[in-house]
Amino acid sequence: MKLTVLNLPHTDEAGFDSGPLDVFCQTHDVKGWVNHFYVSGGQPHLAVILEYQIIISSGVRATQKHSRQDHRSNLAAKSRPFFDRLRDWRSLRARQDGVPVYVVFTNKELASIAENGPQTKTDLLAIEGIGKAKAEKYAEDVFAVLASMSETKTDERKETPDAGSSE
């Protein structure tokens, strides 16, 4: 048996984010758990101590890998470059913050951002899984990434003659 501790911060909009716990439970056989509520820096947290065994099943791991790739492949072709750029930004930001990438945004959230192109915090909050804390913390960076991609696309269109134009 092994032990791990998951820290789940609380937000006013979403409550405790169970995403990390859900991901963990998909790849591990949880035998028991204990939780502890605490406040750090004025923010409530739930620490969950899990006793587990690793699931050694290629089917579970293959399904998990497939679902990670699914978010990108389900996007319209025009949204995929946005998704890729957002993933690159997320990796850098997660490293900077010292957190796993899914704490910044999940692939599902990034796919929704790439597809919908939010331009305001309200637009960002309309995306499932994004609460006030994430919107406040990451909105400006997300908007900058999306804007830089839009500018790149506009510049490419200016440089490439329109095949459909007739003069």
N, C-alpha and C. Protein backbone atom coordinates (compact mmCIF):
# COMPACT_ATOMS: atom_id res chain seq x y z
N MET A 1 0.84 -1.19 0.00
CA MET A 1 0.00 0.00 0.00
C MET A 1 0.88 1.25 0.00
N LYS A 2 0.38 2.27 -0.65
CA LYS A 2 1.07 3.56 -0.70
C LYS A 2 0.11 4.63 -0.21
N LEU A 3 0.69 5.79 0.16
CA LEU A 3 -0.10 6.93 0.60
C LEU A 3 0.24 8.15 -0.26
N THR A 4 -0.75 8.98 -0.46
CA THR A 4 -0.53 10.27 -1.12
C THR A 4 -1.49 11.28 -0.50
N VAL A 5 -1.14 12.55 -0.64
CA VAL A 5 -1.98 13.63 -0.14
C VAL A 5 -2.34 14.54 -1.31
N LEU A 6 -3.62 14.78 -1.49
CA LEU A 6 -4.09 15.72 -2.50
C LEU A 6 -4.65 16.94 -1.80
N ASN A 7 -4.25 18.11 -2.24
CA ASN A 7 -4.72 19.38 -1.68
C ASN A 7 -5.75 19.97 -2.63
N LEU A 8 -6.99 20.15 -2.17
CA LEU A 8 -8.06 20.67 -3.01
C LEU A 8 -8.47 22.05 -2.49
N PRO A 9 -8.07 23.13 -3.19
CA PRO A 9 -8.48 24.46 -2.76
C PRO A 9 -9.96 24.70 -3.04
N HIS A 10 -10.56 25.58 -2.29
CA HIS A 10 -11.98 25.90 -2.43
C HIS A 10 -12.14 27.24 -3.12
N THR A 11 -13.08 27.32 -4.06
CA THR A 11 -13.43 28.60 -4.67
C THR A 11 -14.91 28.84 -4.45
N ASP A 12 -15.30 30.10 -4.43
CA ASP A 12 -16.70 30.43 -4.20
C ASP A 12 -17.61 29.87 -5.29
N GLU A 13 -17.15 29.89 -6.54
CA GLU A 13 -17.99 29.42 -7.65
C GLU A 13 -18.08 27.91 -7.71
N ALA A 14 -16.95 27.24 -7.63
CA ALA A 14 -16.92 25.81 -7.91
C ALA A 14 -16.83 24.93 -6.67
N GLY A 15 -16.63 25.52 -5.51
CA GLY A 15 -16.42 24.69 -4.31
C GLY A 15 -15.04 24.08 -4.36
N PHE A 16 -14.91 22.85 -3.89
CA PHE A 16 -13.64 22.15 -3.94
C PHE A 16 -13.49 21.52 -5.32
N ASP A 17 -12.33 21.74 -5.94
CA ASP A 17 -12.07 21.18 -7.27
C ASP A 17 -11.71 19.71 -7.12
N SER A 18 -12.60 18.83 -7.52
CA SER A 18 -12.36 17.40 -7.37
C SER A 18 -11.61 16.81 -8.56
N GLY A 19 -11.26 17.63 -9.55
CA GLY A 19 -10.56 17.14 -10.74
C GLY A 19 -9.33 16.31 -10.44
N PRO A 20 -8.40 16.80 -9.60
CA PRO A 20 -7.21 16.00 -9.30
C PRO A 20 -7.56 14.66 -8.63
N LEU A 21 -8.57 14.66 -7.79
CA LEU A 21 -9.01 13.43 -7.13
C LEU A 21 -9.60 12.46 -8.15
N ASP A 22 -10.40 12.97 -9.07
CA ASP A 22 -11.00 12.14 -10.12
C ASP A 22 -9.92 11.49 -10.97
N VAL A 23 -8.93 12.28 -11.38
CA VAL A 23 -7.85 11.76 -12.21
C VAL A 23 -7.08 10.68 -11.46
N PHE A 24 -6.79 10.94 -10.20
CA PHE A 24 -6.05 9.98 -9.39
C PHE A 24 -6.81 8.66 -9.28
N CYS A 25 -8.10 8.75 -9.02
CA CYS A 25 -8.92 7.54 -8.82
C CYS A 25 -9.07 6.72 -10.10
N GLN A 26 -8.87 7.34 -11.26
CA GLN A 26 -8.95 6.60 -12.52
C GLN A 26 -7.76 5.66 -12.72
N THR A 27 -6.64 5.99 -12.11
CA THR A 27 -5.42 5.20 -12.34
C THR A 27 -4.92 4.49 -11.09
N HIS A 28 -5.66 4.60 -9.99
CA HIS A 28 -5.24 3.97 -8.75
C HIS A 28 -6.42 3.29 -8.08
N ASP A 29 -6.14 2.23 -7.38
CA ASP A 29 -7.16 1.52 -6.63
C ASP A 29 -7.13 2.04 -5.19
N VAL A 30 -8.04 2.95 -4.88
CA VAL A 30 -8.07 3.58 -3.56
C VAL A 30 -8.68 2.62 -2.55
N LYS A 31 -7.94 2.33 -1.50
CA LYS A 31 -8.38 1.38 -0.47
C LYS A 31 -8.97 2.09 0.74
N GLY A 32 -8.57 3.33 0.97
CA GLY A 32 -9.09 4.08 2.10
C GLY A 32 -8.69 5.54 1.99
N TRP A 33 -9.38 6.38 2.75
CA TRP A 33 -9.07 7.81 2.71
C TRP A 33 -9.46 8.48 4.02
N VAL A 34 -8.79 9.60 4.27
CA VAL A 34 -9.09 10.47 5.40
C VAL A 34 -8.99 11.88 4.86
N ASN A 35 -9.88 12.77 5.30
CA ASN A 35 -9.76 14.14 4.83
C ASN A 35 -9.57 15.08 6.01
N HIS A 36 -9.02 16.24 5.71
CA HIS A 36 -8.77 17.26 6.73
C HIS A 36 -9.03 18.63 6.11
N PHE A 37 -9.89 19.41 6.75
CA PHE A 37 -10.20 20.77 6.30
C PHE A 37 -9.26 21.74 6.99
N TYR A 38 -8.71 22.70 6.24
CA TYR A 38 -7.87 23.72 6.84
C TYR A 38 -7.95 25.00 6.03
N VAL A 39 -7.48 26.09 6.60
CA VAL A 39 -7.46 27.39 5.93
C VAL A 39 -6.02 27.85 5.85
N SER A 40 -5.60 28.25 4.64
CA SER A 40 -4.25 28.74 4.42
C SER A 40 -4.34 30.01 3.60
N GLY A 41 -3.77 31.09 4.11
CA GLY A 41 -3.81 32.36 3.40
C GLY A 41 -5.23 32.86 3.20
N GLY A 42 -6.11 32.52 4.12
CA GLY A 42 -7.50 32.95 4.03
C GLY A 42 -8.36 32.11 3.09
N GLN A 43 -7.76 31.11 2.43
CA GLN A 43 -8.51 30.27 1.50
C GLN A 43 -8.70 28.87 2.10
N PRO A 44 -9.95 28.39 2.11
CA PRO A 44 -10.19 27.03 2.62
C PRO A 44 -9.60 25.98 1.68
N HIS A 45 -9.13 24.90 2.27
CA HIS A 45 -8.57 23.77 1.52
C HIS A 45 -9.08 22.49 2.14
N LEU A 46 -9.10 21.45 1.33
CA LEU A 46 -9.40 20.12 1.81
C LEU A 46 -8.22 19.24 1.44
N ALA A 47 -7.56 18.70 2.43
CA ALA A 47 -6.47 17.76 2.19
C ALA A 47 -7.07 16.36 2.27
N VAL A 48 -6.83 15.56 1.25
CA VAL A 48 -7.34 14.20 1.22
C VAL A 48 -6.13 13.27 1.22
N ILE A 49 -6.05 12.42 2.23
CA ILE A 49 -4.97 11.45 2.34
C ILE A 49 -5.53 10.12 1.83
N LEU A 50 -4.90 9.59 0.79
CA LEU A 50 -5.40 8.38 0.15
C LEU A 50 -4.44 7.22 0.34
N GLU A 51 -4.98 6.07 0.70
CA GLU A 51 -4.23 4.83 0.74
C GLU A 51 -4.60 4.08 -0.53
N TYR A 52 -3.61 3.67 -1.34
CA TYR A 52 -3.94 3.15 -2.66
C TYR A 52 -2.95 2.11 -3.15
N GLN A 53 -3.36 1.45 -4.23
CA GLN A 53 -2.50 0.60 -5.03
C GLN A 53 -2.62 1.08 -6.47
N ILE A 54 -1.55 0.95 -7.21
CA ILE A 54 -1.58 1.35 -8.61
C ILE A 54 -2.30 0.27 -9.41
N ILE A 55 -3.18 0.68 -10.30
CA ILE A 55 -3.86 -0.26 -11.18
C ILE A 55 -2.92 -0.59 -12.33
N ILE A 56 -2.64 -1.87 -12.49
CA ILE A 56 -1.75 -2.28 -13.58
C ILE A 56 -2.62 -2.93 -14.63
N SER A 57 -3.20 -2.07 -15.45
CA SER A 57 -4.09 -2.53 -16.51
C SER A 57 -3.86 -1.65 -17.72
N SER A 58 -3.38 -2.24 -18.80
CA SER A 58 -3.09 -1.44 -19.99
C SER A 58 -4.35 -0.78 -20.53
N GLY A 59 -5.51 -1.39 -20.31
CA GLY A 59 -6.76 -0.80 -20.78
C GLY A 59 -7.04 0.53 -20.12
N VAL A 60 -6.82 0.63 -18.81
CA VAL A 60 -7.07 1.89 -18.11
C VAL A 60 -6.10 2.96 -18.60
N ARG A 61 -4.85 2.61 -18.72
CA ARG A 61 -3.88 3.59 -19.17
C ARG A 61 -4.12 3.99 -20.63
N ALA A 62 -4.47 3.03 -21.46
CA ALA A 62 -4.74 3.36 -22.86
C ALA A 62 -5.95 4.28 -22.97
N THR A 63 -6.99 4.02 -22.20
CA THR A 63 -8.17 4.87 -22.22
C THR A 63 -7.81 6.27 -21.77
N GLN A 64 -6.98 6.37 -20.73
CA GLN A 64 -6.61 7.69 -20.24
C GLN A 64 -5.82 8.44 -21.30
N LYS A 65 -4.88 7.79 -21.97
CA LYS A 65 -4.10 8.46 -23.01
C LYS A 65 -5.02 8.90 -24.15
N HIS A 66 -5.95 8.02 -24.53
CA HIS A 66 -6.87 8.36 -25.61
C HIS A 66 -7.70 9.58 -25.26
N SER A 67 -8.19 9.66 -24.04
CA SER A 67 -9.03 10.79 -23.67
C SER A 67 -8.23 12.09 -23.66
N ARG A 68 -6.95 12.03 -23.34
CA ARG A 68 -6.12 13.23 -23.38
C ARG A 68 -6.02 13.76 -24.80
N GLN A 69 -5.86 12.87 -25.77
CA GLN A 69 -5.72 13.28 -27.16
C GLN A 69 -7.07 13.67 -27.76
N ASP A 70 -8.13 13.13 -27.23
CA ASP A 70 -9.46 13.38 -27.76
C ASP A 70 -9.82 14.86 -27.79
N HIS A 71 -9.45 15.60 -26.78
CA HIS A 71 -9.84 17.01 -26.73
C HIS A 71 -9.31 17.76 -27.93
N ARG A 72 -8.10 17.48 -28.34
CA ARG A 72 -7.55 18.18 -29.50
C ARG A 72 -8.18 17.68 -30.79
N SER A 73 -8.32 16.36 -30.92
CA SER A 73 -8.85 15.82 -32.18
C SER A 73 -10.32 16.16 -32.39
N ASN A 74 -11.03 16.47 -31.32
CA ASN A 74 -12.44 16.85 -31.45
C ASN A 74 -12.63 18.31 -31.84
N LEU A 75 -11.56 19.07 -31.84
CA LEU A 75 -11.65 20.49 -32.19
C LEU A 75 -11.71 20.68 -33.70
N ALA A 76 -12.33 21.77 -34.12
CA ALA A 76 -12.28 22.17 -35.52
C ALA A 76 -10.83 22.47 -35.88
N ALA A 77 -10.47 22.23 -37.11
CA ALA A 77 -9.08 22.43 -37.55
C ALA A 77 -8.57 23.83 -37.23
N LYS A 78 -9.42 24.85 -37.37
CA LYS A 78 -8.97 26.23 -37.11
C LYS A 78 -8.69 26.48 -35.64
N SER A 79 -9.23 25.65 -34.74
CA SER A 79 -9.02 25.85 -33.30
C SER A 79 -7.80 25.12 -32.76
N ARG A 80 -7.28 24.17 -33.52
CA ARG A 80 -6.17 23.34 -33.02
C ARG A 80 -4.88 24.14 -32.75
N PRO A 81 -4.51 25.09 -33.61
CA PRO A 81 -3.31 25.88 -33.29
C PRO A 81 -3.48 26.68 -31.99
N PHE A 82 -4.69 27.17 -31.74
CA PHE A 82 -4.95 27.89 -30.49
C PHE A 82 -4.78 26.94 -29.31
N PHE A 83 -5.31 25.74 -29.42
CA PHE A 83 -5.20 24.73 -28.37
C PHE A 83 -3.73 24.41 -28.10
N ASP A 84 -2.95 24.21 -29.17
CA ASP A 84 -1.53 23.89 -29.02
C ASP A 84 -0.78 25.02 -28.33
N ARG A 85 -1.03 26.25 -28.74
CA ARG A 85 -0.36 27.40 -28.13
C ARG A 85 -0.76 27.56 -26.67
N LEU A 86 -2.05 27.34 -26.38
CA LEU A 86 -2.51 27.41 -24.98
C LEU A 86 -1.86 26.33 -24.13
N ARG A 87 -1.69 25.14 -24.68
CA ARG A 87 -1.02 24.06 -23.93
C ARG A 87 0.43 24.43 -23.63
N ASP A 88 1.12 25.02 -24.62
CA ASP A 88 2.50 25.45 -24.39
C ASP A 88 2.56 26.49 -23.27
N TRP A 89 1.66 27.47 -23.34
CA TRP A 89 1.61 28.50 -22.29
C TRP A 89 1.32 27.85 -20.93
N ARG A 90 0.35 26.93 -20.90
CA ARG A 90 -0.03 26.28 -19.64
C ARG A 90 1.17 25.55 -19.02
N SER A 91 1.96 24.87 -19.84
CA SER A 91 3.13 24.16 -19.32
C SER A 91 4.11 25.12 -18.65
N LEU A 92 4.35 26.24 -19.33
CA LEU A 92 5.26 27.25 -18.76
C LEU A 92 4.70 27.82 -17.47
N ARG A 93 3.43 28.14 -17.48
CA ARG A 93 2.80 28.75 -16.29
C ARG A 93 2.78 27.77 -15.11
N ALA A 94 2.49 26.51 -15.39
CA ALA A 94 2.47 25.50 -14.32
C ALA A 94 3.86 25.34 -13.71
N ARG A 95 4.88 25.32 -14.57
CA ARG A 95 6.25 25.24 -14.06
C ARG A 95 6.57 26.45 -13.20
N GLN A 96 6.18 27.62 -13.66
CA GLN A 96 6.42 28.87 -12.94
C GLN A 96 5.72 28.85 -11.58
N ASP A 97 4.47 28.34 -11.54
CA ASP A 97 3.70 28.30 -10.30
C ASP A 97 4.02 27.09 -9.43
N GLY A 98 4.77 26.12 -9.99
CA GLY A 98 5.12 24.92 -9.23
C GLY A 98 3.92 24.01 -8.99
N VAL A 99 3.03 23.92 -9.99
CA VAL A 99 1.83 23.08 -9.87
C VAL A 99 1.72 22.18 -11.09
N PRO A 100 0.95 21.09 -11.01
CA PRO A 100 0.71 20.28 -12.20
C PRO A 100 -0.09 21.08 -13.23
N VAL A 101 0.06 20.74 -14.50
CA VAL A 101 -0.60 21.51 -15.57
C VAL A 101 -2.11 21.54 -15.42
N TYR A 102 -2.71 20.44 -14.95
CA TYR A 102 -4.18 20.42 -14.86
C TYR A 102 -4.71 21.36 -13.79
N VAL A 103 -3.86 21.84 -12.91
CA VAL A 103 -4.29 22.82 -11.91
C VAL A 103 -4.51 24.17 -12.60
N VAL A 104 -3.69 24.48 -13.59
CA VAL A 104 -3.86 25.73 -14.33
C VAL A 104 -5.14 25.62 -15.15
N PHE A 105 -5.20 24.71 -16.11
CA PHE A 105 -6.40 24.40 -16.88
C PHE A 105 -6.31 22.96 -17.33
N THR A 106 -7.43 22.26 -17.38
CA THR A 106 -7.47 20.91 -17.92
C THR A 106 -7.47 21.00 -19.45
N ASN A 107 -7.19 19.88 -20.10
CA ASN A 107 -7.26 19.86 -21.57
C ASN A 107 -8.67 20.21 -22.05
N LYS A 108 -9.67 19.76 -21.33
CA LYS A 108 -11.05 20.06 -21.71
C LYS A 108 -11.31 21.57 -21.65
N GLU A 109 -10.81 22.22 -20.59
CA GLU A 109 -10.97 23.67 -20.47
C GLU A 109 -10.22 24.40 -21.58
N LEU A 110 -8.99 23.94 -21.88
CA LEU A 110 -8.21 24.57 -22.96
C LEU A 110 -8.91 24.40 -24.31
N ALA A 111 -9.50 23.23 -24.53
CA ALA A 111 -10.22 23.01 -25.78
C ALA A 111 -11.41 23.98 -25.90
N SER A 112 -12.11 24.18 -24.81
CA SER A 112 -13.24 25.13 -24.82
C SER A 112 -12.77 26.55 -25.06
N ILE A 113 -11.64 26.91 -24.47
CA ILE A 113 -11.07 28.25 -24.68
C ILE A 113 -10.68 28.40 -26.16
N ALA A 114 -10.00 27.39 -26.71
CA ALA A 114 -9.57 27.45 -28.11
C ALA A 114 -10.77 27.54 -29.05
N GLU A 115 -11.82 26.80 -28.76
CA GLU A 115 -13.00 26.77 -29.62
C GLU A 115 -13.82 28.05 -29.52
N ASN A 116 -13.96 28.59 -28.30
CA ASN A 116 -14.85 29.73 -28.07
C ASN A 116 -14.17 31.09 -28.13
N GLY A 117 -12.85 31.13 -27.96
CA GLY A 117 -12.11 32.39 -28.03
C GLY A 117 -12.65 33.48 -27.10
N PRO A 118 -12.74 33.21 -25.80
CA PRO A 118 -13.28 34.22 -24.89
C PRO A 118 -12.46 35.50 -24.92
N GLN A 119 -13.16 36.63 -24.79
CA GLN A 119 -12.48 37.92 -24.83
C GLN A 119 -12.64 38.71 -23.54
N THR A 120 -13.49 38.22 -22.63
CA THR A 120 -13.68 38.89 -21.34
C THR A 120 -13.65 37.83 -20.24
N LYS A 121 -13.49 38.30 -19.01
CA LYS A 121 -13.52 37.37 -17.88
C LYS A 121 -14.89 36.69 -17.78
N THR A 122 -15.94 37.41 -18.13
CA THR A 122 -17.28 36.83 -18.12
C THR A 122 -17.36 35.68 -19.12
N ASP A 123 -16.78 35.88 -20.31
CA ASP A 123 -16.73 34.79 -21.31
C ASP A 123 -15.97 33.59 -20.76
N LEU A 124 -14.86 33.86 -20.09
CA LEU A 124 -14.04 32.79 -19.53
C LEU A 124 -14.81 32.05 -18.44
N LEU A 125 -15.52 32.77 -17.61
CA LEU A 125 -16.31 32.14 -16.54
C LEU A 125 -17.45 31.28 -17.09
N ALA A 126 -17.87 31.52 -18.31
CA ALA A 126 -18.95 30.73 -18.91
C ALA A 126 -18.47 29.34 -19.32
N ILE A 127 -17.16 29.12 -19.33
CA ILE A 127 -16.62 27.82 -19.71
C ILE A 127 -16.66 26.88 -18.51
N GLU A 128 -17.23 25.70 -18.73
CA GLU A 128 -17.37 24.71 -17.66
C GLU A 128 -16.01 24.38 -17.04
N GLY A 129 -15.96 24.45 -15.72
CA GLY A 129 -14.73 24.12 -14.98
C GLY A 129 -13.89 25.33 -14.61
N ILE A 130 -14.21 26.49 -15.18
CA ILE A 130 -13.44 27.69 -14.87
C ILE A 130 -14.23 28.56 -13.92
N GLY A 131 -13.69 28.73 -12.72
CA GLY A 131 -14.33 29.56 -11.71
C GLY A 131 -13.64 30.90 -11.59
N LYS A 132 -14.08 31.64 -10.61
CA LYS A 132 -13.58 33.00 -10.40
C LYS A 132 -12.07 33.02 -10.16
N ALA A 133 -11.59 32.08 -9.36
CA ALA A 133 -10.15 32.07 -9.03
C ALA A 133 -9.29 31.87 -10.27
N LYS A 134 -9.64 30.90 -11.12
CA LYS A 134 -8.87 30.68 -12.35
C LYS A 134 -9.00 31.86 -13.29
N ALA A 135 -10.20 32.40 -13.41
CA ALA A 135 -10.40 33.54 -14.30
C ALA A 135 -9.56 34.73 -13.85
N GLU A 136 -9.57 35.01 -12.55
CA GLU A 136 -8.79 36.13 -12.03
C GLU A 136 -7.30 35.91 -12.24
N LYS A 137 -6.85 34.69 -11.99
CA LYS A 137 -5.42 34.40 -12.02
C LYS A 137 -4.85 34.32 -13.44
N TYR A 138 -5.63 33.76 -14.38
CA TYR A 138 -5.06 33.45 -15.69
C TYR A 138 -5.67 34.21 -16.87
N ALA A 139 -6.71 34.98 -16.66
CA ALA A 139 -7.42 35.62 -17.78
C ALA A 139 -6.50 36.44 -18.67
N GLU A 140 -5.72 37.32 -18.08
CA GLU A 140 -4.88 38.21 -18.89
C GLU A 140 -3.90 37.42 -19.75
N ASP A 141 -3.31 36.37 -19.18
CA ASP A 141 -2.38 35.54 -19.96
C ASP A 141 -3.12 34.84 -21.11
N VAL A 142 -4.29 34.30 -20.82
CA VAL A 142 -5.07 33.61 -21.85
C VAL A 142 -5.42 34.57 -22.98
N PHE A 143 -5.88 35.76 -22.62
CA PHE A 143 -6.25 36.75 -23.63
C PHE A 143 -5.04 37.14 -24.48
N ALA A 144 -3.87 37.25 -23.84
CA ALA A 144 -2.65 37.60 -24.57
C ALA A 144 -2.28 36.49 -25.56
N VAL A 145 -2.39 35.24 -25.15
CA VAL A 145 -2.09 34.12 -26.05
C VAL A 145 -3.06 34.13 -27.23
N LEU A 146 -4.35 34.27 -26.94
CA LEU A 146 -5.35 34.28 -28.01
C LEU A 146 -5.13 35.46 -28.96
N ALA A 147 -4.82 36.63 -28.40
CA ALA A 147 -4.58 37.82 -29.24
C ALA A 147 -3.36 37.62 -30.12
N SER A 148 -2.29 37.06 -29.56
CA SER A 148 -1.08 36.86 -30.36
C SER A 148 -1.34 35.88 -31.50
N MET A 149 -2.17 34.88 -31.26
CA MET A 149 -2.53 33.92 -32.31
C MET A 149 -3.38 34.60 -33.37
N SER A 150 -4.31 35.45 -32.96
CA SER A 150 -5.18 36.15 -33.91
C SER A 150 -4.37 37.08 -34.78
N GLU A 151 -3.39 37.77 -34.18
CA GLU A 151 -2.53 38.67 -34.94
C GLU A 151 -1.70 37.89 -35.95
N THR A 152 -1.21 36.72 -35.55
CA THR A 152 -0.43 35.88 -36.45
C THR A 152 -1.29 35.44 -37.62
N LYS A 153 -2.52 35.02 -37.36
CA LYS A 153 -3.42 34.59 -38.43
C LYS A 153 -3.72 35.75 -39.38
N THR A 154 -3.94 36.96 -38.83
CA THR A 154 -4.22 38.13 -39.65
C THR A 154 -3.02 38.46 -40.52
N ASP A 155 -1.80 38.40 -39.94
CA ASP A 155 -0.59 38.68 -40.70
C ASP A 155 -0.41 37.66 -41.83
N GLU A 156 -0.72 36.37 -41.57
CA GLU A 156 -0.60 35.34 -42.59
C GLU A 156 -1.57 35.61 -43.73
N ARG A 157 -2.79 36.04 -43.40
CA ARG A 157 -3.79 36.32 -44.42
C ARG A 157 -3.36 37.50 -45.29
N LYS A 158 -2.71 38.51 -44.69
CA LYS A 158 -2.25 39.67 -45.44
C LYS A 158 -1.14 39.29 -46.43
N GLU A 159 -0.27 38.34 -46.01
CA GLU A 159 0.86 37.94 -46.83
C GLU A 159 0.47 36.97 -47.92
N THR A 160 -0.63 36.21 -47.73
CA THR A 160 -1.05 35.20 -48.69
C THR A 160 -2.15 35.76 -49.58
N PRO A 161 -1.95 35.77 -50.91
CA PRO A 161 -3.01 36.27 -51.78
C PRO A 161 -4.25 35.40 -51.65
N ASP A 162 -5.40 36.02 -51.73
CA ASP A 162 -6.67 35.31 -51.60
C ASP A 162 -6.93 34.56 -52.89
N ALA A 163 -6.99 33.22 -52.79
CA ALA A 163 -7.19 32.38 -53.97
C ALA A 163 -8.56 32.61 -54.59
N GLY A 164 -9.52 33.04 -53.79
CA GLY A 164 -10.89 33.20 -54.27
C GLY A 164 -11.16 34.56 -54.85
N SER A 165 -10.22 35.48 -54.85
CA SER A 165 -10.48 36.84 -55.35
C SER A 165 -10.34 36.87 -56.86
N SER A 166 -11.14 37.68 -57.48
CA SER A 166 -11.03 37.84 -58.93
C SER A 166 -10.86 39.32 -59.23
N GLU A 167 -9.84 39.60 -60.00
CA GLU A 167 -9.56 41.01 -60.31
C GLU A 167 -9.75 41.30 -61.76
